[in-house]
Amino acid sequence: MVALPTAAPPNTLGNVVLLTSNHRLEIPEEMLGHPKHYLHDDYMHWYILQLNHALDNRFVPDTDDILVLTDDLNPVDLLGGVIILTARKQLHSYLGENGLNW
């Protein structure tokens, strides 16, 4: 298993893409592209930056004594409220209590 965090730093609220396989996982870096090659396209530049960030910060999570989520057992929906509240607090911290004051 390989975890690819999309947020910077990796311990902030954001997504973590988990890749699992019965075989060794290898991600050839040449498949990612280099952000400087996409300066002409804002979306692709951002996309390639995200891919490179995730690869640069990849890690193998400790899977000892973890709960395996399946279709029958998936408490993620129960955590949705906590995730939304955390995101709102971070947004208020970033923008200020009254939002953007331009």
PDB file of N, CA and C in Angstrom:
ATOM      1  N   MET A   1       0.842  -1.164   0.000  1.00  0.00           N
ATOM      2  CA  MET A   1       0.000   0.000   0.000  1.00  0.00           C
ATOM      3  C   MET A   1       0.894   1.235   0.000  1.00  0.00           C
ATOM      4  N   VAL A   2       0.474   2.241  -0.762  1.00  0.00           N
ATOM      5  CA  VAL A   2       1.166   3.518  -0.804  1.00  0.00           C
ATOM      6  C   VAL A   2       0.127   4.612  -0.591  1.00  0.00           C
ATOM      7  N   ALA A   3       0.450   5.575   0.264  1.00  0.00           N
ATOM      8  CA  ALA A   3      -0.426   6.719   0.504  1.00  0.00           C
ATOM      9  C   ALA A   3       0.183   7.949  -0.167  1.00  0.00           C
ATOM     10  N   LEU A   4      -0.663   8.684  -0.906  1.00  0.00           N
ATOM     11  CA  LEU A   4      -0.222   9.877  -1.621  1.00  0.00           C
ATOM     12  C   LEU A   4      -1.035  11.075  -1.121  1.00  0.00           C
ATOM     13  N   PRO A   5      -0.483  11.885  -0.196  1.00  0.00           N
ATOM     14  CA  PRO A   5      -1.228  13.034   0.312  1.00  0.00           C
ATOM     15  C   PRO A   5      -1.263  14.170  -0.697  1.00  0.00           C
ATOM     16  N   THR A   6      -2.421  14.835  -0.800  1.00  0.00           N
ATOM     17  CA  THR A   6      -2.546  15.943  -1.750  1.00  0.00           C
ATOM     18  C   THR A   6      -2.413  17.298  -1.083  1.00  0.00           C
ATOM     19  N   ALA A   7      -2.496  17.369   0.247  1.00  0.00           N
ATOM     20  CA  ALA A   7      -2.408  18.647   0.946  1.00  0.00           C
ATOM     21  C   ALA A   7      -0.967  18.929   1.344  1.00  0.00           C
ATOM     22  N   ALA A   8      -0.651  20.201   1.515  1.00  0.00           N
ATOM     23  CA  ALA A   8       0.681  20.583   1.953  1.00  0.00           C
ATOM     24  C   ALA A   8       0.555  21.438   3.200  1.00  0.00           C
ATOM     25  N   PRO A   9       1.192  21.149   4.293  1.00  0.00           N
ATOM     26  CA  PRO A   9       1.961  19.934   4.527  1.00  0.00           C
ATOM     27  C   PRO A   9       1.056  18.714   4.588  1.00  0.00           C
ATOM     28  N   PRO A  10       1.629  17.527   4.489  1.00  0.00           N
ATOM     29  CA  PRO A  10       0.822  16.310   4.392  1.00  0.00           C
ATOM     30  C   PRO A  10      -0.114  16.054   5.567  1.00  0.00           C
ATOM     31  N   ASN A  11       0.109  16.693   6.729  1.00  0.00           N
ATOM     32  CA  ASN A  11      -0.744  16.431   7.888  1.00  0.00           C
ATOM     33  C   ASN A  11      -1.902  17.424   8.005  1.00  0.00           C
ATOM     34  N   THR A  12      -2.179  18.224   6.979  1.00  0.00           N
ATOM     35  CA  THR A  12      -3.310  19.141   7.011  1.00  0.00           C
ATOM     36  C   THR A  12      -4.520  18.483   6.372  1.00  0.00           C
ATOM     37  N   LEU A  13      -5.670  19.131   6.537  1.00  0.00           N
ATOM     38  CA  LEU A  13      -6.893  18.606   5.957  1.00  0.00           C
ATOM     39  C   LEU A  13      -6.752  18.543   4.442  1.00  0.00           C
ATOM     40  N   GLY A  14      -7.078  17.435   3.886  1.00  0.00           N
ATOM     41  CA  GLY A  14      -6.982  17.240   2.447  1.00  0.00           C
ATOM     42  C   GLY A  14      -7.228  15.783   2.122  1.00  0.00           C
ATOM     43  N   ASN A  15      -6.991  15.411   0.927  1.00  0.00           N
ATOM     44  CA  ASN A  15      -7.204  14.033   0.505  1.00  0.00           C
ATOM     45  C   ASN A  15      -5.900  13.256   0.558  1.00  0.00           C
ATOM     46  N   VAL A  16      -6.049  11.973   0.789  1.00  0.00           N
ATOM     47  CA  VAL A  16      -4.937  11.039   0.690  1.00  0.00           C
ATOM     48  C   VAL A  16      -5.404   9.926  -0.239  1.00  0.00           C
ATOM     49  N   VAL A  17      -4.698   9.759  -1.321  1.00  0.00           N
ATOM     50  CA  VAL A  17      -5.021   8.700  -2.273  1.00  0.00           C
ATOM     51  C   VAL A  17      -4.270   7.455  -1.837  1.00  0.00           C
ATOM     52  N   LEU A  18      -5.013   6.364  -1.651  1.00  0.00           N
ATOM     53  CA  LEU A  18      -4.394   5.096  -1.262  1.00  0.00           C
ATOM     54  C   LEU A  18      -4.356   4.164  -2.458  1.00  0.00           C
ATOM     55  N   LEU A  19      -3.191   3.647  -2.739  1.00  0.00           N
ATOM     56  CA  LEU A  19      -3.020   2.678  -3.810  1.00  0.00           C
ATOM     57  C   LEU A  19      -2.646   1.347  -3.177  1.00  0.00           C
ATOM     58  N   THR A  20      -3.374   0.315  -3.538  1.00  0.00           N
ATOM     59  CA  THR A  20      -3.058  -1.013  -3.026  1.00  0.00           C
ATOM     60  C   THR A  20      -2.977  -1.996  -4.187  1.00  0.00           C
ATOM     61  N   SER A  21      -2.205  -3.038  -3.975  1.00  0.00           N
ATOM     62  CA  SER A  21      -2.042  -4.040  -5.020  1.00  0.00           C
ATOM     63  C   SER A  21      -1.481  -5.317  -4.411  1.00  0.00           C
ATOM     64  N   ASN A  22      -1.691  -6.406  -5.108  1.00  0.00           N
ATOM     65  CA  ASN A  22      -1.043  -7.660  -4.718  1.00  0.00           C
ATOM     66  C   ASN A  22       0.388  -7.717  -5.217  1.00  0.00           C
ATOM     67  N   HIS A  23       0.771  -6.735  -6.015  1.00  0.00           N
ATOM     68  CA  HIS A  23       2.112  -6.671  -6.594  1.00  0.00           C
ATOM     69  C   HIS A  23       2.803  -5.399  -6.111  1.00  0.00           C
ATOM     70  N   ARG A  24       4.084  -5.343  -6.270  1.00  0.00           N
ATOM     71  CA  ARG A  24       4.850  -4.164  -5.893  1.00  0.00           C
ATOM     72  C   ARG A  24       4.359  -2.958  -6.701  1.00  0.00           C
ATOM     73  N   LEU A  25       4.150  -1.843  -6.007  1.00  0.00           N
ATOM     74  CA  LEU A  25       3.683  -0.626  -6.664  1.00  0.00           C
ATOM     75  C   LEU A  25       4.872   0.250  -7.028  1.00  0.00           C
ATOM     76  N   GLU A  26       4.962   0.574  -8.290  1.00  0.00           N
ATOM     77  CA  GLU A  26       6.007   1.478  -8.752  1.00  0.00           C
ATOM     78  C   GLU A  26       5.357   2.568  -9.582  1.00  0.00           C
ATOM     79  N   ILE A  27       5.742   3.794  -9.311  1.00  0.00           N
ATOM     80  CA  ILE A  27       5.209   4.938 -10.053  1.00  0.00           C
ATOM     81  C   ILE A  27       6.390   5.596 -10.761  1.00  0.00           C
ATOM     82  N   PRO A  28       6.529   5.360 -12.054  1.00  0.00           N
ATOM     83  CA  PRO A  28       7.645   5.971 -12.787  1.00  0.00           C
ATOM     84  C   PRO A  28       7.520   7.496 -12.796  1.00  0.00           C
ATOM     85  N   GLU A  29       8.547   8.164 -12.302  1.00  0.00           N
ATOM     86  CA  GLU A  29       8.502   9.619 -12.199  1.00  0.00           C
ATOM     87  C   GLU A  29       8.371  10.295 -13.561  1.00  0.00           C
ATOM     88  N   GLU A  30       8.865   9.661 -14.618  1.00  0.00           N
ATOM     89  CA  GLU A  30       8.757  10.282 -15.939  1.00  0.00           C
ATOM     90  C   GLU A  30       7.305  10.352 -16.416  1.00  0.00           C
ATOM     91  N   MET A  31       6.413   9.581 -15.802  1.00  0.00           N
ATOM     92  CA  MET A  31       4.992   9.626 -16.164  1.00  0.00           C
ATOM     93  C   MET A  31       4.321  10.908 -15.661  1.00  0.00           C
ATOM     94  N   LEU A  32       4.920  11.528 -14.656  1.00  0.00           N
ATOM     95  CA  LEU A  32       4.283  12.682 -14.022  1.00  0.00           C
ATOM     96  C   LEU A  32       4.397  13.963 -14.835  1.00  0.00           C
ATOM     97  N   GLY A  33       5.464  14.129 -15.509  1.00  0.00           N
ATOM     98  CA  GLY A  33       5.692  15.400 -16.194  1.00  0.00           C
ATOM     99  C   GLY A  33       6.310  16.402 -15.234  1.00  0.00           C
ATOM    100  N   HIS A  34       6.787  17.496 -15.787  1.00  0.00           N
ATOM    101  CA  HIS A  34       7.414  18.548 -14.981  1.00  0.00           C
ATOM    102  C   HIS A  34       6.540  19.799 -15.046  1.00  0.00           C
ATOM    103  N   PRO A  35       6.245  20.424 -13.900  1.00  0.00           N
ATOM    104  CA  PRO A  35       5.359  21.594 -13.893  1.00  0.00           C
ATOM    105  C   PRO A  35       5.786  22.720 -14.846  1.00  0.00           C
ATOM    106  N   LYS A  36       7.086  22.898 -15.042  1.00  0.00           N
ATOM    107  CA  LYS A  36       7.533  23.994 -15.913  1.00  0.00           C
ATOM    108  C   LYS A  36       7.090  23.791 -17.367  1.00  0.00           C
ATOM    109  N   HIS A  37       6.803  22.540 -17.742  1.00  0.00           N
ATOM    110  CA  HIS A  37       6.349  22.278 -19.109  1.00  0.00           C
ATOM    111  C   HIS A  37       4.886  22.649 -19.313  1.00  0.00           C
ATOM    112  N   TYR A  38       4.195  23.018 -18.245  1.00  0.00           N
ATOM    113  CA  TYR A  38       2.762  23.325 -18.322  1.00  0.00           C
ATOM    114  C   TYR A  38       2.448  24.742 -17.865  1.00  0.00           C
ATOM    115  N   LEU A  39       3.432  25.623 -17.898  1.00  0.00           N
ATOM    116  CA  LEU A  39       3.197  27.002 -17.470  1.00  0.00           C
ATOM    117  C   LEU A  39       2.170  27.718 -18.339  1.00  0.00           C
ATOM    118  N   HIS A  40       1.988  27.284 -19.560  1.00  0.00           N
ATOM    119  CA  HIS A  40       1.042  27.909 -20.491  1.00  0.00           C
ATOM    120  C   HIS A  40      -0.409  27.511 -20.198  1.00  0.00           C
ATOM    121  N   ASP A  41      -0.612  26.488 -19.380  1.00  0.00           N
ATOM    122  CA  ASP A  41      -1.948  25.969 -19.090  1.00  0.00           C
ATOM    123  C   ASP A  41      -2.120  25.905 -17.571  1.00  0.00           C
ATOM    124  N   ASP A  42      -2.879  26.854 -17.004  1.00  0.00           N
ATOM    125  CA  ASP A  42      -3.018  26.955 -15.547  1.00  0.00           C
ATOM    126  C   ASP A  42      -3.524  25.658 -14.921  1.00  0.00           C
ATOM    127  N   TYR A  43      -4.542  25.043 -15.522  1.00  0.00           N
ATOM    128  CA  TYR A  43      -5.102  23.830 -14.936  1.00  0.00           C
ATOM    129  C   TYR A  43      -4.085  22.694 -14.945  1.00  0.00           C
ATOM    130  N   MET A  44      -3.460  22.449 -16.090  1.00  0.00           N
ATOM    131  CA  MET A  44      -2.500  21.351 -16.182  1.00  0.00           C
ATOM    132  C   MET A  44      -1.288  21.602 -15.287  1.00  0.00           C
ATOM    133  N   HIS A  45      -0.872  22.862 -15.189  1.00  0.00           N
ATOM    134  CA  HIS A  45       0.246  23.203 -14.307  1.00  0.00           C
ATOM    135  C   HIS A  45      -0.110  22.830 -12.865  1.00  0.00           C
ATOM    136  N   TRP A  46      -1.313  23.209 -12.400  1.00  0.00           N
ATOM    137  CA  TRP A  46      -1.764  22.871 -11.053  1.00  0.00           C
ATOM    138  C   TRP A  46      -1.861  21.354 -10.882  1.00  0.00           C
ATOM    139  N   TYR A  47      -2.422  20.688 -11.879  1.00  0.00           N
ATOM    140  CA  TYR A  47      -2.602  19.237 -11.839  1.00  0.00           C
ATOM    141  C   TYR A  47      -1.253  18.518 -11.696  1.00  0.00           C
ATOM    142  N   ILE A  48      -0.281  18.921 -12.495  1.00  0.00           N
ATOM    143  CA  ILE A  48       1.046  18.290 -12.452  1.00  0.00           C
ATOM    144  C   ILE A  48       1.736  18.597 -11.126  1.00  0.00           C
ATOM    145  N   LEU A  49       1.541  19.811 -10.600  1.00  0.00           N
ATOM    146  CA  LEU A  49       2.086  20.134  -9.279  1.00  0.00           C
ATOM    147  C   LEU A  49       1.515  19.210  -8.218  1.00  0.00           C
ATOM    148  N   GLN A  50       0.200  18.977  -8.272  1.00  0.00           N
ATOM    149  CA  GLN A  50      -0.446  18.091  -7.302  1.00  0.00           C
ATOM    150  C   GLN A  50       0.095  16.670  -7.411  1.00  0.00           C
ATOM    151  N   LEU A  51       0.248  16.168  -8.615  1.00  0.00           N
ATOM    152  CA  LEU A  51       0.787  14.821  -8.801  1.00  0.00           C
ATOM    153  C   LEU A  51       2.201  14.705  -8.232  1.00  0.00           C
ATOM    154  N   ASN A  52       3.032  15.686  -8.537  1.00  0.00           N
ATOM    155  CA  ASN A  52       4.408  15.666  -8.051  1.00  0.00           C
ATOM    156  C   ASN A  52       4.452  15.785  -6.533  1.00  0.00           C
ATOM    157  N   HIS A  53       3.589  16.647  -5.967  1.00  0.00           N
ATOM    158  CA  HIS A  53       3.533  16.799  -4.513  1.00  0.00           C
ATOM    159  C   HIS A  53       3.166  15.473  -3.855  1.00  0.00           C
ATOM    160  N   ALA A  54       2.142  14.818  -4.390  1.00  0.00           N
ATOM    161  CA  ALA A  54       1.697  13.546  -3.823  1.00  0.00           C
ATOM    162  C   ALA A  54       2.820  12.511  -3.884  1.00  0.00           C
ATOM    163  N   LEU A  55       3.514  12.437  -4.998  1.00  0.00           N
ATOM    164  CA  LEU A  55       4.594  11.460  -5.129  1.00  0.00           C
ATOM    165  C   LEU A  55       5.757  11.798  -4.193  1.00  0.00           C
ATOM    166  N   ASP A  56       6.103  13.081  -4.109  1.00  0.00           N
ATOM    167  CA  ASP A  56       7.218  13.492  -3.250  1.00  0.00           C
ATOM    168  C   ASP A  56       6.942  13.229  -1.771  1.00  0.00           C
ATOM    169  N   ASN A  57       5.664  13.211  -1.381  1.00  0.00           N
ATOM    170  CA  ASN A  57       5.291  13.032   0.026  1.00  0.00           C
ATOM    171  C   ASN A  57       4.675  11.666   0.307  1.00  0.00           C
ATOM    172  N   ARG A  58       4.869  10.724  -0.600  1.00  0.00           N
ATOM    173  CA  ARG A  58       4.269   9.405  -0.430  1.00  0.00           C
ATOM    174  C   ARG A  58       4.853   8.708   0.802  1.00  0.00           C
ATOM    175  N   PHE A  59       4.050   7.840   1.369  1.00  0.00           N
ATOM    176  CA  PHE A  59       4.497   7.063   2.508  1.00  0.00           C
ATOM    177  C   PHE A  59       3.720   5.751   2.544  1.00  0.00           C
ATOM    178  N   VAL A  60       4.227   4.813   3.293  1.00  0.00           N
ATOM    179  CA  VAL A  60       3.552   3.532   3.487  1.00  0.00           C
ATOM    180  C   VAL A  60       2.916   3.591   4.870  1.00  0.00           C
ATOM    181  N   PRO A  61       1.582   3.609   4.925  1.00  0.00           N
ATOM    182  CA  PRO A  61       0.922   3.713   6.227  1.00  0.00           C
ATOM    183  C   PRO A  61       1.088   2.443   7.052  1.00  0.00           C
ATOM    184  N   ASP A  62       1.092   2.624   8.354  1.00  0.00           N
ATOM    185  CA  ASP A  62       1.136   1.498   9.269  1.00  0.00           C
ATOM    186  C   ASP A  62      -0.236   0.844   9.265  1.00  0.00           C
ATOM    187  N   THR A  63      -0.309  -0.393   8.856  1.00  0.00           N
ATOM    188  CA  THR A  63      -1.601  -1.063   8.736  1.00  0.00           C
ATOM    189  C   THR A  63      -1.839  -2.087   9.845  1.00  0.00           C
ATOM    190  N   ASP A  64      -0.977  -2.095  10.863  1.00  0.00           N
ATOM    191  CA  ASP A  64      -1.188  -3.010  11.987  1.00  0.00           C
ATOM    192  C   ASP A  64      -2.398  -2.556  12.790  1.00  0.00           C
ATOM    193  N   ASP A  65      -3.262  -3.480  13.110  1.00  0.00           N
ATOM    194  CA  ASP A  65      -4.429  -3.218  13.960  1.00  0.00           C
ATOM    195  C   ASP A  65      -5.324  -2.108  13.440  1.00  0.00           C
ATOM    196  N   ILE A  66      -5.565  -2.066  12.116  1.00  0.00           N
ATOM    197  CA  ILE A  66      -6.464  -1.058  11.568  1.00  0.00           C
ATOM    198  C   ILE A  66      -7.791  -1.697  11.171  1.00  0.00           C
ATOM    199  N   LEU A  67      -8.809  -0.898  11.124  1.00  0.00           N
ATOM    200  CA  LEU A  67     -10.121  -1.334  10.706  1.00  0.00           C
ATOM    201  C   LEU A  67     -10.178  -1.325   9.182  1.00  0.00           C
ATOM    202  N   VAL A  68     -10.532  -2.431   8.583  1.00  0.00           N
ATOM    203  CA  VAL A  68     -10.651  -2.515   7.136  1.00  0.00           C
ATOM    204  C   VAL A  68     -12.060  -2.084   6.749  1.00  0.00           C
ATOM    205  N   LEU A  69     -12.167  -1.074   5.892  1.00  0.00           N
ATOM    206  CA  LEU A  69     -13.462  -0.581   5.454  1.00  0.00           C
ATOM    207  C   LEU A  69     -13.937  -1.385   4.257  1.00  0.00           C
ATOM    208  N   THR A  70     -15.186  -1.799   4.322  1.00  0.00           N
ATOM    209  CA  THR A  70     -15.800  -2.545   3.232  1.00  0.00           C
ATOM    210  C   THR A  70     -17.163  -1.932   2.945  1.00  0.00           C
ATOM    211  N   ASP A  71     -17.872  -2.464   1.976  1.00  0.00           N
ATOM    212  CA  ASP A  71     -19.228  -1.995   1.706  1.00  0.00           C
ATOM    213  C   ASP A  71     -20.135  -2.189   2.913  1.00  0.00           C
ATOM    214  N   ASP A  72     -19.886  -3.226   3.694  1.00  0.00           N
ATOM    215  CA  ASP A  72     -20.713  -3.515   4.865  1.00  0.00           C
ATOM    216  C   ASP A  72     -20.285  -2.724   6.102  1.00  0.00           C
ATOM    217  N   LEU A  73     -19.071  -2.251   6.132  1.00  0.00           N
ATOM    218  CA  LEU A  73     -18.546  -1.535   7.288  1.00  0.00           C
ATOM    219  C   LEU A  73     -17.749  -0.333   6.805  1.00  0.00           C
ATOM    220  N   ASN A  74     -18.400   0.818   6.768  1.00  0.00           N
ATOM    221  CA  ASN A  74     -17.760   2.027   6.287  1.00  0.00           C
ATOM    222  C   ASN A  74     -18.296   3.234   7.063  1.00  0.00           C
ATOM    223  N   PRO A  75     -17.628   3.590   8.178  1.00  0.00           N
ATOM    224  CA  PRO A  75     -18.105   4.702   8.996  1.00  0.00           C
ATOM    225  C   PRO A  75     -17.701   6.085   8.480  1.00  0.00           C
ATOM    226  N   VAL A  76     -17.208   6.169   7.261  1.00  0.00           N
ATOM    227  CA  VAL A  76     -16.755   7.450   6.728  1.00  0.00           C
ATOM    228  C   VAL A  76     -17.888   8.470   6.724  1.00  0.00           C
ATOM    229  N   ASP A  77     -19.108   8.047   6.401  1.00  0.00           N
ATOM    230  CA  ASP A  77     -20.232   8.980   6.395  1.00  0.00           C
ATOM    231  C   ASP A  77     -20.448   9.595   7.771  1.00  0.00           C
ATOM    232  N   LEU A  78     -20.179   8.842   8.814  1.00  0.00           N
ATOM    233  CA  LEU A  78     -20.334   9.365  10.164  1.00  0.00           C
ATOM    234  C   LEU A  78     -19.298  10.437  10.468  1.00  0.00           C
ATOM    235  N   LEU A  79     -18.167  10.370   9.801  1.00  0.00           N
ATOM    236  CA  LEU A  79     -17.102  11.348  10.025  1.00  0.00           C
ATOM    237  C   LEU A  79     -17.268  12.587   9.154  1.00  0.00           C
ATOM    238  N   GLY A  80     -18.220  12.577   8.235  1.00  0.00           N
ATOM    239  CA  GLY A  80     -18.403  13.705   7.322  1.00  0.00           C
ATOM    240  C   GLY A  80     -18.601  15.018   8.048  1.00  0.00           C
ATOM    241  N   GLY A  81     -19.399  15.033   9.102  1.00  0.00           N
ATOM    242  CA  GLY A  81     -19.640  16.261   9.861  1.00  0.00           C
ATOM    243  C   GLY A  81     -18.373  16.798  10.489  1.00  0.00           C
ATOM    244  N   VAL A  82     -17.555  15.913  11.045  1.00  0.00           N
ATOM    245  CA  VAL A  82     -16.293  16.331  11.659  1.00  0.00           C
ATOM    246  C   VAL A  82     -15.364  16.921  10.603  1.00  0.00           C
ATOM    247  N   ILE A  83     -15.315  16.295   9.443  1.00  0.00           N
ATOM    248  CA  ILE A  83     -14.450  16.778   8.355  1.00  0.00           C
ATOM    249  C   ILE A  83     -14.912  18.153   7.880  1.00  0.00           C
ATOM    250  N   ILE A  84     -16.212  18.340   7.693  1.00  0.00           N
ATOM    251  CA  ILE A  84     -16.747  19.629   7.240  1.00  0.00           C
ATOM    252  C   ILE A  84     -16.471  20.716   8.278  1.00  0.00           C
ATOM    253  N   LEU A  85     -16.681  20.418   9.562  1.00  0.00           N
ATOM    254  CA  LEU A  85     -16.421  21.396  10.614  1.00  0.00           C
ATOM    255  C   LEU A  85     -14.946  21.788  10.650  1.00  0.00           C
ATOM    256  N   THR A  86     -14.063  20.819  10.511  1.00  0.00           N
ATOM    257  CA  THR A  86     -12.629  21.102  10.483  1.00  0.00           C
ATOM    258  C   THR A  86     -12.270  21.978   9.287  1.00  0.00           C
ATOM    259  N   ALA A  87     -12.833  21.668   8.122  1.00  0.00           N
ATOM    260  CA  ALA A  87     -12.567  22.468   6.922  1.00  0.00           C
ATOM    261  C   ALA A  87     -13.064  23.893   7.108  1.00  0.00           C
ATOM    262  N   ARG A  88     -14.238  24.075   7.693  1.00  0.00           N
ATOM    263  CA  ARG A  88     -14.777  25.425   7.917  1.00  0.00           C
ATOM    264  C   ARG A  88     -13.909  26.212   8.885  1.00  0.00           C
ATOM    265  N   LYS A  89     -13.431  25.565   9.938  1.00  0.00           N
ATOM    266  CA  LYS A  89     -12.553  26.247  10.897  1.00  0.00           C
ATOM    267  C   LYS A  89     -11.266  26.696  10.218  1.00  0.00           C
ATOM    268  N   GLN A  90     -10.709  25.830   9.381  1.00  0.00           N
ATOM    269  CA  GLN A  90      -9.488  26.210   8.663  1.00  0.00           C
ATOM    270  C   GLN A  90      -9.760  27.354   7.694  1.00  0.00           C
ATOM    271  N   LEU A  91     -10.914  27.320   7.037  1.00  0.00           N
ATOM    272  CA  LEU A  91     -11.270  28.381   6.105  1.00  0.00           C
ATOM    273  C   LEU A  91     -11.448  29.710   6.835  1.00  0.00           C
ATOM    274  N   HIS A  92     -12.124  29.698   7.978  1.00  0.00           N
ATOM    275  CA  HIS A  92     -12.290  30.921   8.772  1.00  0.00           C
ATOM    276  C   HIS A  92     -10.951  31.437   9.272  1.00  0.00           C
ATOM    277  N   SER A  93     -10.079  30.525   9.652  1.00  0.00           N
ATOM    278  CA  SER A  93      -8.749  30.923  10.102  1.00  0.00           C
ATOM    279  C   SER A  93      -7.971  31.595   8.983  1.00  0.00           C
ATOM    280  N   TYR A  94      -8.131  31.065   7.768  1.00  0.00           N
ATOM    281  CA  TYR A  94      -7.419  31.606   6.605  1.00  0.00           C
ATOM    282  C   TYR A  94      -8.028  32.928   6.129  1.00  0.00           C
ATOM    283  N   LEU A  95      -9.358  32.986   6.059  1.00  0.00           N
ATOM    284  CA  LEU A  95     -10.028  34.170   5.503  1.00  0.00           C
ATOM    285  C   LEU A  95     -10.405  35.198   6.544  1.00  0.00           C
ATOM    286  N   GLY A  96     -10.449  34.822   7.801  1.00  0.00           N
ATOM    287  CA  GLY A  96     -10.927  35.725   8.858  1.00  0.00           C
ATOM    288  C   GLY A  96     -12.392  35.434   9.112  1.00  0.00           C
ATOM    289  N   GLU A  97     -12.892  35.888  10.247  1.00  0.00           N
ATOM    290  CA  GLU A  97     -14.270  35.586  10.646  1.00  0.00           C
ATOM    291  C   GLU A  97     -15.300  36.127   9.667  1.00  0.00           C
ATOM    292  N   ASN A  98     -15.026  37.231   9.011  1.00  0.00           N
ATOM    293  CA  ASN A  98     -15.993  37.839   8.099  1.00  0.00           C
ATOM    294  C   ASN A  98     -15.734  37.498   6.638  1.00  0.00           C
ATOM    295  N   GLY A  99     -14.893  36.543   6.387  1.00  0.00           N
ATOM    296  CA  GLY A  99     -14.582  36.171   5.011  1.00  0.00           C
ATOM    297  C   GLY A  99     -13.604  37.149   4.402  1.00  0.00           C
ATOM    298  N   LEU A 100     -13.573  37.220   3.108  1.00  0.00           N
ATOM    299  CA  LEU A 100     -12.660  38.126   2.421  1.00  0.00           C
ATOM    300  C   LEU A 100     -13.111  39.569   2.595  1.00  0.00           C
ATOM    301  N   ASN A 101     -12.194  40.405   2.984  1.00  0.00           N
ATOM    302  CA  ASN A 101     -12.473  41.838   3.129  1.00  0.00           C
ATOM    303  C   ASN A 101     -11.628  42.602   2.124  1.00  0.00           C
ATOM    304  N   TRP A 102     -12.168  42.728   0.933  1.00  0.00           N
ATOM    305  CA  TRP A 102     -11.417  43.419  -0.113  1.00  0.00           C
ATOM    306  C   TRP A 102     -11.825  44.843  -0.184  1.00  0.00           C
TER     307      TRP A 102
END
